[in-house]
PDB file of N, CA and C in Angstrom:
ATOM      1  N   MET A   1       9.930 168.869 -18.450  1.00  0.00           N
ATOM      2  CA  MET A   1       9.584 170.246 -18.754  1.00  0.00           C
ATOM      3  C   MET A   1      10.850 171.026 -19.113  1.00  0.00           C
ATOM      4  N   GLU A   2      11.925 170.763 -18.387  1.00  0.00           N
ATOM      5  CA  GLU A   2      13.167 171.500 -18.639  1.00  0.00           C
ATOM      6  C   GLU A   2      13.669 171.278 -20.063  1.00  0.00           C
ATOM      7  N   GLU A   3      13.621 170.015 -20.522  1.00  0.00           N
ATOM      8  CA  GLU A   3      14.087 169.715 -21.875  1.00  0.00           C
ATOM      9  C   GLU A   3      13.236 170.424 -22.923  1.00  0.00           C
ATOM     10  N   LEU A   4      11.925 170.468 -22.694  1.00  0.00           N
ATOM     11  CA  LEU A   4      11.049 171.171 -23.630  1.00  0.00           C
ATOM     12  C   LEU A   4      11.362 172.660 -23.666  1.00  0.00           C
ATOM     13  N   CYS A   5      11.581 173.241 -22.500  1.00  0.00           N
ATOM     14  CA  CYS A   5      11.904 174.674 -22.433  1.00  0.00           C
ATOM     15  C   CYS A   5      13.129 174.999 -23.275  1.00  0.00           C
ATOM     16  N   TYR A   6      14.190 174.251 -23.069  1.00  0.00           N
ATOM     17  CA  TYR A   6      15.421 174.537 -23.800  1.00  0.00           C
ATOM     18  C   TYR A   6      15.316 174.137 -25.269  1.00  0.00           C
ATOM     19  N   GLY A   7      14.539 173.092 -25.556  1.00  0.00           N
ATOM     20  CA  GLY A   7      14.329 172.703 -26.947  1.00  0.00           C
ATOM     21  C   GLY A   7      13.643 173.797 -27.743  1.00  0.00           C
ATOM     22  N   TRP A   8      12.579 174.374 -27.161  1.00  0.00           N
ATOM     23  CA  TRP A   8      11.877 175.469 -27.845  1.00  0.00           C
ATOM     24  C   TRP A   8      12.803 176.666 -28.015  1.00  0.00           C
ATOM     25  N   LYS A   9      13.498 177.031 -26.956  1.00  0.00           N
ATOM     26  CA  LYS A   9      14.351 178.222 -26.995  1.00  0.00           C
ATOM     27  C   LYS A   9      15.513 178.074 -27.968  1.00  0.00           C
ATOM     28  N   ASN A  10      16.055 176.871 -28.078  1.00  0.00           N
ATOM     29  CA  ASN A  10      17.226 176.659 -28.924  1.00  0.00           C
ATOM     30  C   ASN A  10      16.875 176.300 -30.365  1.00  0.00           C
ATOM     31  N   SER A  11      15.599 176.166 -30.657  1.00  0.00           N
ATOM     32  CA  SER A  11      15.205 175.856 -32.036  1.00  0.00           C
ATOM     33  C   SER A  11      15.264 177.141 -32.869  1.00  0.00           C
ATOM     34  N   ASP A  12      15.228 176.971 -34.152  1.00  0.00           N
ATOM     35  CA  ASP A  12      15.221 178.126 -35.054  1.00  0.00           C
ATOM     36  C   ASP A  12      13.799 178.488 -35.477  1.00  0.00           C
ATOM     37  N   HIS A  13      12.823 178.132 -34.651  1.00  0.00           N
ATOM     38  CA  HIS A  13      11.426 178.324 -35.018  1.00  0.00           C
ATOM     39  C   HIS A  13      10.681 179.137 -33.968  1.00  0.00           C
ATOM     40  N   TYR A  14       9.715 179.899 -34.440  1.00  0.00           N
ATOM     41  CA  TYR A  14       8.807 180.588 -33.530  1.00  0.00           C
ATOM     42  C   TYR A  14       7.840 179.553 -32.978  1.00  0.00           C
ATOM     43  N   PHE A  15       7.328 179.798 -31.775  1.00  0.00           N
ATOM     44  CA  PHE A  15       6.420 178.816 -31.193  1.00  0.00           C
ATOM     45  C   PHE A  15       5.361 179.467 -30.318  1.00  0.00           C
ATOM     46  N   LEU A  16       4.245 178.767 -30.220  1.00  0.00           N
ATOM     47  CA  LEU A  16       3.181 179.077 -29.274  1.00  0.00           C
ATOM     48  C   LEU A  16       3.062 177.843 -28.401  1.00  0.00           C
ATOM     49  N   TRP A  17       3.209 178.023 -27.104  1.00  0.00           N
ATOM     50  CA  TRP A  17       3.198 176.894 -26.178  1.00  0.00           C
ATOM     51  C   TRP A  17       2.124 177.141 -25.134  1.00  0.00           C
ATOM     52  N   VAL A  18       1.157 176.236 -25.073  1.00  0.00           N
ATOM     53  CA  VAL A  18       0.088 176.345 -24.080  1.00  0.00           C
ATOM     54  C   VAL A  18       0.495 175.515 -22.867  1.00  0.00           C
ATOM     55  N   VAL A  19       0.662 176.202 -21.737  1.00  0.00           N
ATOM     56  CA  VAL A  19       1.072 175.563 -20.479  1.00  0.00           C
ATOM     57  C   VAL A  19       0.116 176.024 -19.390  1.00  0.00           C
ATOM     58  N   ARG A  20      -0.478 175.080 -18.692  1.00  0.00           N
ATOM     59  CA  ARG A  20      -1.358 175.449 -17.579  1.00  0.00           C
ATOM     60  C   ARG A  20      -0.587 176.285 -16.567  1.00  0.00           C
ATOM     61  N   ALA A  21      -1.275 177.245 -15.980  1.00  0.00           N
ATOM     62  CA  ALA A  21      -0.636 178.118 -14.984  1.00  0.00           C
ATOM     63  C   ALA A  21      -0.040 177.300 -13.845  1.00  0.00           C
ATOM     64  N   SER A  22      -0.695 176.210 -13.480  1.00  0.00           N
ATOM     65  CA  SER A  22      -0.200 175.370 -12.382  1.00  0.00           C
ATOM     66  C   SER A  22       1.091 174.645 -12.736  1.00  0.00           C
ATOM     67  N   GLU A  23       1.427 174.560 -14.011  1.00  0.00           N
ATOM     68  CA  GLU A  23       2.640 173.875 -14.457  1.00  0.00           C
ATOM     69  C   GLU A  23       3.818 174.819 -14.663  1.00  0.00           C
ATOM     70  N   GLU A  24       3.562 176.121 -14.688  1.00  0.00           N
ATOM     71  CA  GLU A  24       4.632 177.085 -14.957  1.00  0.00           C
ATOM     72  C   GLU A  24       5.723 177.066 -13.894  1.00  0.00           C
ATOM     73  N   GLU A  25       5.398 176.608 -12.705  1.00  0.00           N
ATOM     74  CA  GLU A  25       6.413 176.529 -11.647  1.00  0.00           C
ATOM     75  C   GLU A  25       7.503 175.516 -11.980  1.00  0.00           C
ATOM     76  N   LYS A  26       7.255 174.660 -12.957  1.00  0.00           N
ATOM     77  CA  LYS A  26       8.241 173.655 -13.365  1.00  0.00           C
ATOM     78  C   LYS A  26       9.258 174.203 -14.363  1.00  0.00           C
ATOM     79  N   PHE A  27       9.060 175.442 -14.831  1.00  0.00           N
ATOM     80  CA  PHE A  27      10.043 176.051 -15.722  1.00  0.00           C
ATOM     81  C   PHE A  27      11.365 176.200 -14.982  1.00  0.00           C
ATOM     82  N   PRO A  28      12.489 175.927 -15.655  1.00  0.00           N
ATOM     83  CA  PRO A  28      13.780 176.168 -15.011  1.00  0.00           C
ATOM     84  C   PRO A  28      13.972 177.664 -14.760  1.00  0.00           C
ATOM     85  N   PRO A  29      14.751 178.030 -13.748  1.00  0.00           N
ATOM     86  CA  PRO A  29      14.932 179.446 -13.394  1.00  0.00           C
ATOM     87  C   PRO A  29      15.442 180.316 -14.544  1.00  0.00           C
ATOM     88  N   SER A  30      16.239 179.746 -15.428  1.00  0.00           N
ATOM     89  CA  SER A  30      16.816 180.545 -16.515  1.00  0.00           C
ATOM     90  C   SER A  30      15.887 180.675 -17.724  1.00  0.00           C
ATOM     91  N   PHE A  31      14.732 180.028 -17.692  1.00  0.00           N
ATOM     92  CA  PHE A  31      13.799 180.078 -18.822  1.00  0.00           C
ATOM     93  C   PHE A  31      12.963 181.344 -18.756  1.00  0.00           C
ATOM     94  N   ASP A  32      12.987 182.120 -19.834  1.00  0.00           N
ATOM     95  CA  ASP A  32      12.210 183.357 -19.911  1.00  0.00           C
ATOM     96  C   ASP A  32      11.065 183.159 -20.904  1.00  0.00           C
ATOM     97  N   PRO A  33       9.833 182.964 -20.413  1.00  0.00           N
ATOM     98  CA  PRO A  33       8.712 182.710 -21.321  1.00  0.00           C
ATOM     99  C   PRO A  33       8.286 183.924 -22.137  1.00  0.00           C
ATOM    100  N   SER A  34       8.888 185.069 -21.905  1.00  0.00           N
ATOM    101  CA  SER A  34       8.495 186.272 -22.646  1.00  0.00           C
ATOM    102  C   SER A  34       9.452 186.595 -23.790  1.00  0.00           C
ATOM    103  N   ASP A  35      10.239 185.630 -24.215  1.00  0.00           N
ATOM    104  CA  ASP A  35      11.175 185.803 -25.328  1.00  0.00           C
ATOM    105  C   ASP A  35      10.424 186.193 -26.600  1.00  0.00           C
ATOM    106  N   GLU A  36      11.084 186.943 -27.490  1.00  0.00           N
ATOM    107  CA  GLU A  36      10.427 187.389 -28.714  1.00  0.00           C
ATOM    108  C   GLU A  36      10.203 186.255 -29.717  1.00  0.00           C
ATOM    109  N   LYS A  37      10.864 185.123 -29.518  1.00  0.00           N
ATOM    110  CA  LYS A  37      10.715 184.002 -30.438  1.00  0.00           C
ATOM    111  C   LYS A  37       9.543 183.101 -30.074  1.00  0.00           C
ATOM    112  N   GLY A  38       9.104 183.176 -28.828  1.00  0.00           N
ATOM    113  CA  GLY A  38       8.038 182.295 -28.394  1.00  0.00           C
ATOM    114  C   GLY A  38       6.979 183.004 -27.584  1.00  0.00           C
ATOM    115  N   LEU A  39       5.842 182.351 -27.491  1.00  0.00           N
ATOM    116  CA  LEU A  39       4.739 182.865 -26.700  1.00  0.00           C
ATOM    117  C   LEU A  39       4.216 181.724 -25.844  1.00  0.00           C
ATOM    118  N   VAL A  40       4.233 181.903 -24.527  1.00  0.00           N
ATOM    119  CA  VAL A  40       3.719 180.908 -23.592  1.00  0.00           C
ATOM    120  C   VAL A  40       2.434 181.462 -23.006  1.00  0.00           C
ATOM    121  N   VAL A  41       1.341 180.710 -23.159  1.00  0.00           N
ATOM    122  CA  VAL A  41       0.028 181.138 -22.676  1.00  0.00           C
ATOM    123  C   VAL A  41      -0.609 179.999 -21.887  1.00  0.00           C
ATOM    124  N   SER A  42      -1.609 180.327 -21.074  1.00  0.00           N
ATOM    125  CA  SER A  42      -2.290 179.284 -20.303  1.00  0.00           C
ATOM    126  C   SER A  42      -3.476 178.691 -21.063  1.00  0.00           C
ATOM    127  N   TRP A  43      -3.915 179.352 -22.129  1.00  0.00           N
ATOM    128  CA  TRP A  43      -5.026 178.858 -22.947  1.00  0.00           C
ATOM    129  C   TRP A  43      -4.983 179.531 -24.310  1.00  0.00           C
ATOM    130  N   CYS A  44      -5.496 178.842 -25.318  1.00  0.00           N
ATOM    131  CA  CYS A  44      -5.658 179.455 -26.636  1.00  0.00           C
ATOM    132  C   CYS A  44      -6.814 178.766 -27.350  1.00  0.00           C
ATOM    133  N   PRO A  45      -7.398 179.422 -28.351  1.00  0.00           N
ATOM    134  CA  PRO A  45      -8.449 178.784 -29.149  1.00  0.00           C
ATOM    135  C   PRO A  45      -7.790 177.805 -30.132  1.00  0.00           C
ATOM    136  N   GLN A  46      -7.638 176.564 -29.716  1.00  0.00           N
ATOM    137  CA  GLN A  46      -6.821 175.596 -30.439  1.00  0.00           C
ATOM    138  C   GLN A  46      -7.215 175.439 -31.904  1.00  0.00           C
ATOM    139  N   LEU A  47      -8.483 175.314 -32.191  1.00  0.00           N
ATOM    140  CA  LEU A  47      -8.909 175.112 -33.573  1.00  0.00           C
ATOM    141  C   LEU A  47      -8.536 176.304 -34.448  1.00  0.00           C
ATOM    142  N   GLU A  48      -8.685 177.504 -33.932  1.00  0.00           N
ATOM    143  CA  GLU A  48      -8.296 178.701 -34.689  1.00  0.00           C
ATOM    144  C   GLU A  48      -6.793 178.732 -34.929  1.00  0.00           C
ATOM    145  N   VAL A  49      -6.029 178.359 -33.918  1.00  0.00           N
ATOM    146  CA  VAL A  49      -4.568 178.354 -34.058  1.00  0.00           C
ATOM    147  C   VAL A  49      -4.144 177.305 -35.077  1.00  0.00           C
ATOM    148  N   LEU A  50      -4.678 176.089 -34.957  1.00  0.00           N
ATOM    149  CA  LEU A  50      -4.310 175.026 -35.893  1.00  0.00           C
ATOM    150  C   LEU A  50      -4.697 175.362 -37.329  1.00  0.00           C
ATOM    151  N   ASN A  51      -5.705 176.161 -37.497  1.00  0.00           N
ATOM    152  CA  ASN A  51      -6.173 176.538 -38.827  1.00  0.00           C
ATOM    153  C   ASN A  51      -5.375 177.706 -39.420  1.00  0.00           C
ATOM    154  N   HIS A  52      -4.463 178.279 -38.657  1.00  0.00           N
ATOM    155  CA  HIS A  52      -3.685 179.422 -39.138  1.00  0.00           C
ATOM    156  C   HIS A  52      -2.603 178.948 -40.107  1.00  0.00           C
ATOM    157  N   GLU A  53      -2.380 179.716 -41.153  1.00  0.00           N
ATOM    158  CA  GLU A  53      -1.430 179.332 -42.202  1.00  0.00           C
ATOM    159  C   GLU A  53       0.016 179.241 -41.730  1.00  0.00           C
ATOM    160  N   SER A  54       0.354 179.868 -40.624  1.00  0.00           N
ATOM    161  CA  SER A  54       1.747 179.853 -40.168  1.00  0.00           C
ATOM    162  C   SER A  54       2.094 178.616 -39.340  1.00  0.00           C
ATOM    163  N   VAL A  55       1.111 177.797 -38.997  1.00  0.00           N
ATOM    164  CA  VAL A  55       1.376 176.599 -38.188  1.00  0.00           C
ATOM    165  C   VAL A  55       2.030 175.543 -39.065  1.00  0.00           C
ATOM    166  N   GLY A  56       3.222 175.103 -38.644  1.00  0.00           N
ATOM    167  CA  GLY A  56       3.945 174.093 -39.399  1.00  0.00           C
ATOM    168  C   GLY A  56       3.911 172.730 -38.753  1.00  0.00           C
ATOM    169  N   CYS A  57       3.644 172.696 -37.446  1.00  0.00           N
ATOM    170  CA  CYS A  57       3.660 171.435 -36.712  1.00  0.00           C
ATOM    171  C   CYS A  57       2.922 171.621 -35.395  1.00  0.00           C
ATOM    172  N   PHE A  58       2.337 170.558 -34.897  1.00  0.00           N
ATOM    173  CA  PHE A  58       1.580 170.573 -33.650  1.00  0.00           C
ATOM    174  C   PHE A  58       2.157 169.499 -32.737  1.00  0.00           C
ATOM    175  N   VAL A  59       2.755 169.895 -31.620  1.00  0.00           N
ATOM    176  CA  VAL A  59       3.240 168.945 -30.618  1.00  0.00           C
ATOM    177  C   VAL A  59       2.061 168.696 -29.685  1.00  0.00           C
ATOM    178  N   THR A  60       1.590 167.460 -29.647  1.00  0.00           N
ATOM    179  CA  THR A  60       0.342 167.148 -28.962  1.00  0.00           C
ATOM    180  C   THR A  60       0.474 165.991 -27.983  1.00  0.00           C
ATOM    181  N   HIS A  61      -0.355 166.017 -26.951  1.00  0.00           N
ATOM    182  CA  HIS A  61      -0.428 164.915 -25.994  1.00  0.00           C
ATOM    183  C   HIS A  61      -1.279 163.774 -26.549  1.00  0.00           C
ATOM    184  N   CYS A  62      -1.880 163.973 -27.694  1.00  0.00           N
ATOM    185  CA  CYS A  62      -2.675 162.972 -28.408  1.00  0.00           C
ATOM    186  C   CYS A  62      -4.030 162.697 -27.775  1.00  0.00           C
ATOM    187  N   GLY A  63      -4.615 163.718 -27.176  1.00  0.00           N
ATOM    188  CA  GLY A  63      -6.003 163.592 -26.757  1.00  0.00           C
ATOM    189  C   GLY A  63      -6.868 163.474 -28.003  1.00  0.00           C
ATOM    190  N   TRP A  64      -7.990 162.798 -27.875  1.00  0.00           N
ATOM    191  CA  TRP A  64      -8.825 162.508 -29.033  1.00  0.00           C
ATOM    192  C   TRP A  64      -9.220 163.767 -29.805  1.00  0.00           C
ATOM    193  N   ASN A  65      -9.739 164.777 -29.114  1.00  0.00           N
ATOM    194  CA  ASN A  65     -10.176 166.001 -29.798  1.00  0.00           C
ATOM    195  C   ASN A  65      -9.017 166.718 -30.480  1.00  0.00           C
ATOM    196  N   SER A  66      -7.887 166.802 -29.807  1.00  0.00           N
ATOM    197  CA  SER A  66      -6.719 167.463 -30.403  1.00  0.00           C
ATOM    198  C   SER A  66      -6.293 166.763 -31.683  1.00  0.00           C
ATOM    199  N   MET A  67      -6.272 165.435 -31.632  1.00  0.00           N
ATOM    200  CA  MET A  67      -5.889 164.673 -32.821  1.00  0.00           C
ATOM    201  C   MET A  67      -6.871 164.886 -33.965  1.00  0.00           C
ATOM    202  N   LEU A  68      -8.165 164.828 -33.661  1.00  0.00           N
ATOM    203  CA  LEU A  68      -9.166 165.006 -34.719  1.00  0.00           C
ATOM    204  C   LEU A  68      -9.063 166.382 -35.361  1.00  0.00           C
ATOM    205  N   GLU A  69      -8.862 167.402 -34.536  1.00  0.00           N
ATOM    206  CA  GLU A  69      -8.740 168.757 -35.074  1.00  0.00           C
ATOM    207  C   GLU A  69      -7.529 168.875 -35.986  1.00  0.00           C
ATOM    208  N   ALA A  70      -6.384 168.377 -35.536  1.00  0.00           N
ATOM    209  CA  ALA A  70      -5.169 168.469 -36.347  1.00  0.00           C
ATOM    210  C   ALA A  70      -5.289 167.638 -37.622  1.00  0.00           C
ATOM    211  N   LEU A  71      -5.831 166.429 -37.508  1.00  0.00           N
ATOM    212  CA  LEU A  71      -6.005 165.578 -38.686  1.00  0.00           C
ATOM    213  C   LEU A  71      -6.944 166.218 -39.702  1.00  0.00           C
ATOM    214  N   SER A  72      -8.043 166.768 -39.219  1.00  0.00           N
ATOM    215  CA  SER A  72      -9.022 167.351 -40.141  1.00  0.00           C
ATOM    216  C   SER A  72      -8.460 168.572 -40.870  1.00  0.00           C
ATOM    217  N   LEU A  73      -7.472 169.231 -40.267  1.00  0.00           N
ATOM    218  CA  LEU A  73      -6.871 170.413 -40.887  1.00  0.00           C
ATOM    219  C   LEU A  73      -5.568 170.099 -41.617  1.00  0.00           C
ATOM    220  N   GLY A  74      -5.127 168.840 -41.555  1.00  0.00           N
ATOM    221  CA  GLY A  74      -3.908 168.439 -42.245  1.00  0.00           C
ATOM    222  C   GLY A  74      -2.630 168.963 -41.612  1.00  0.00           C
ATOM    223  N   VAL A  75      -2.654 169.181 -40.298  1.00  0.00           N
ATOM    224  CA  VAL A  75      -1.483 169.709 -39.596  1.00  0.00           C
ATOM    225  C   VAL A  75      -0.592 168.544 -39.154  1.00  0.00           C
ATOM    226  N   PRO A  76       0.693 168.537 -39.522  1.00  0.00           N
ATOM    227  CA  PRO A  76       1.601 167.490 -39.050  1.00  0.00           C
ATOM    228  C   PRO A  76       1.707 167.525 -37.526  1.00  0.00           C
ATOM    229  N   MET A  77       1.868 166.341 -36.921  1.00  0.00           N
ATOM    230  CA  MET A  77       1.905 166.252 -35.459  1.00  0.00           C
ATOM    231  C   MET A  77       3.150 165.530 -34.965  1.00  0.00           C
ATOM    232  N   VAL A  78       3.603 165.942 -33.789  1.00  0.00           N
ATOM    233  CA  VAL A  78       4.610 165.222 -33.022  1.00  0.00           C
ATOM    234  C   VAL A  78       3.881 164.726 -31.785  1.00  0.00           C
ATOM    235  N   ALA A  79       3.882 163.418 -31.582  1.00  0.00           N
ATOM    236  CA  ALA A  79       3.108 162.817 -30.496  1.00  0.00           C
ATOM    237  C   ALA A  79       3.919 162.730 -29.207  1.00  0.00           C
ATOM    238  N   MET A  80       3.317 163.221 -28.117  1.00  0.00           N
ATOM    239  CA  MET A  80       3.905 163.099 -26.779  1.00  0.00           C
ATOM    240  C   MET A  80       2.818 162.629 -25.815  1.00  0.00           C
ATOM    241  N   PRO A  81       2.382 161.360 -25.962  1.00  0.00           N
ATOM    242  CA  PRO A  81       1.294 160.868 -25.118  1.00  0.00           C
ATOM    243  C   PRO A  81       1.698 160.827 -23.651  1.00  0.00           C
ATOM    244  N   GLN A  82       0.721 161.062 -22.783  1.00  0.00           N
ATOM    245  CA  GLN A  82       0.982 161.108 -21.346  1.00  0.00           C
ATOM    246  C   GLN A  82       0.315 159.962 -20.589  1.00  0.00           C
ATOM    247  N   TRP A  83      -0.954 159.659 -20.896  1.00  0.00           N
ATOM    248  CA  TRP A  83      -1.652 158.629 -20.132  1.00  0.00           C
ATOM    249  C   TRP A  83      -2.900 158.145 -20.859  1.00  0.00           C
ATOM    250  N   THR A  84      -3.574 157.179 -20.302  1.00  0.00           N
ATOM    251  CA  THR A  84      -4.795 156.510 -20.781  1.00  0.00           C
ATOM    252  C   THR A  84      -4.740 156.195 -22.268  1.00  0.00           C
ATOM    253  N   ASP A  85      -5.692 156.693 -23.049  1.00  0.00           N
ATOM    254  CA  ASP A  85      -5.800 156.335 -24.462  1.00  0.00           C
ATOM    255  C   ASP A  85      -4.791 157.049 -25.356  1.00  0.00           C
ATOM    256  N   GLN A  86      -4.032 157.962 -24.807  1.00  0.00           N
ATOM    257  CA  GLN A  86      -3.152 158.788 -25.634  1.00  0.00           C
ATOM    258  C   GLN A  86      -2.056 157.978 -26.321  1.00  0.00           C
ATOM    259  N   GLY A  87      -1.538 156.961 -25.654  1.00  0.00           N
ATOM    260  CA  GLY A  87      -0.515 156.113 -26.275  1.00  0.00           C
ATOM    261  C   GLY A  87      -1.059 155.382 -27.490  1.00  0.00           C
ATOM    262  N   THR A  88      -2.262 154.847 -27.355  1.00  0.00           N
ATOM    263  CA  THR A  88      -2.914 154.170 -28.478  1.00  0.00           C
ATOM    264  C   THR A  88      -3.194 155.157 -29.602  1.00  0.00           C
ATOM    265  N   ASN A  89      -3.713 156.314 -29.255  1.00  0.00           N
ATOM    266  CA  ASN A  89      -3.986 157.345 -30.266  1.00  0.00           C
ATOM    267  C   ASN A  89      -2.711 157.717 -31.013  1.00  0.00           C
ATOM    268  N   ALA A  90      -1.607 157.849 -30.284  1.00  0.00           N
ATOM    269  CA  ALA A  90      -0.333 158.236 -30.897  1.00  0.00           C
ATOM    270  C   ALA A  90       0.122 157.205 -31.926  1.00  0.00           C
ATOM    271  N   LYS A  91      -0.133 155.937 -31.654  1.00  0.00           N
ATOM    272  CA  LYS A  91       0.263 154.889 -32.598  1.00  0.00           C
ATOM    273  C   LYS A  91      -0.484 155.009 -33.918  1.00  0.00           C
ATOM    274  N   TYR A  92      -1.698 155.513 -33.860  1.00  0.00           N
ATOM    275  CA  TYR A  92      -2.494 155.647 -35.082  1.00  0.00           C
ATOM    276  C   TYR A  92      -2.074 156.833 -35.936  1.00  0.00           C
ATOM    277  N   ILE A  93      -1.483 157.843 -35.330  1.00  0.00           N
ATOM    278  CA  ILE A  93      -1.061 158.976 -36.146  1.00  0.00           C
ATOM    279  C   ILE A  93       0.383 158.810 -36.552  1.00  0.00           C
TER     280      ILE A  93
END
């Protein structure tokens, strides 16, 4: 989680990051999720977000539905599989 926090903050890109409220405690103390370059939320309407013209890339855990939505909309993906079928799904994209 720490590497992701600093990666997003140090990139030259705006970002929307969906993080479960139960996972926010893993943020490093120096990470400020209210920065003007990024938005950290506990939920978002994923299909609407992926369909927005400003989306350039989707970092995904490679769940089946997430992959299908991104593929159907032609959104480039960065795969970060976590468990079960996600590793196999990641190999296909």
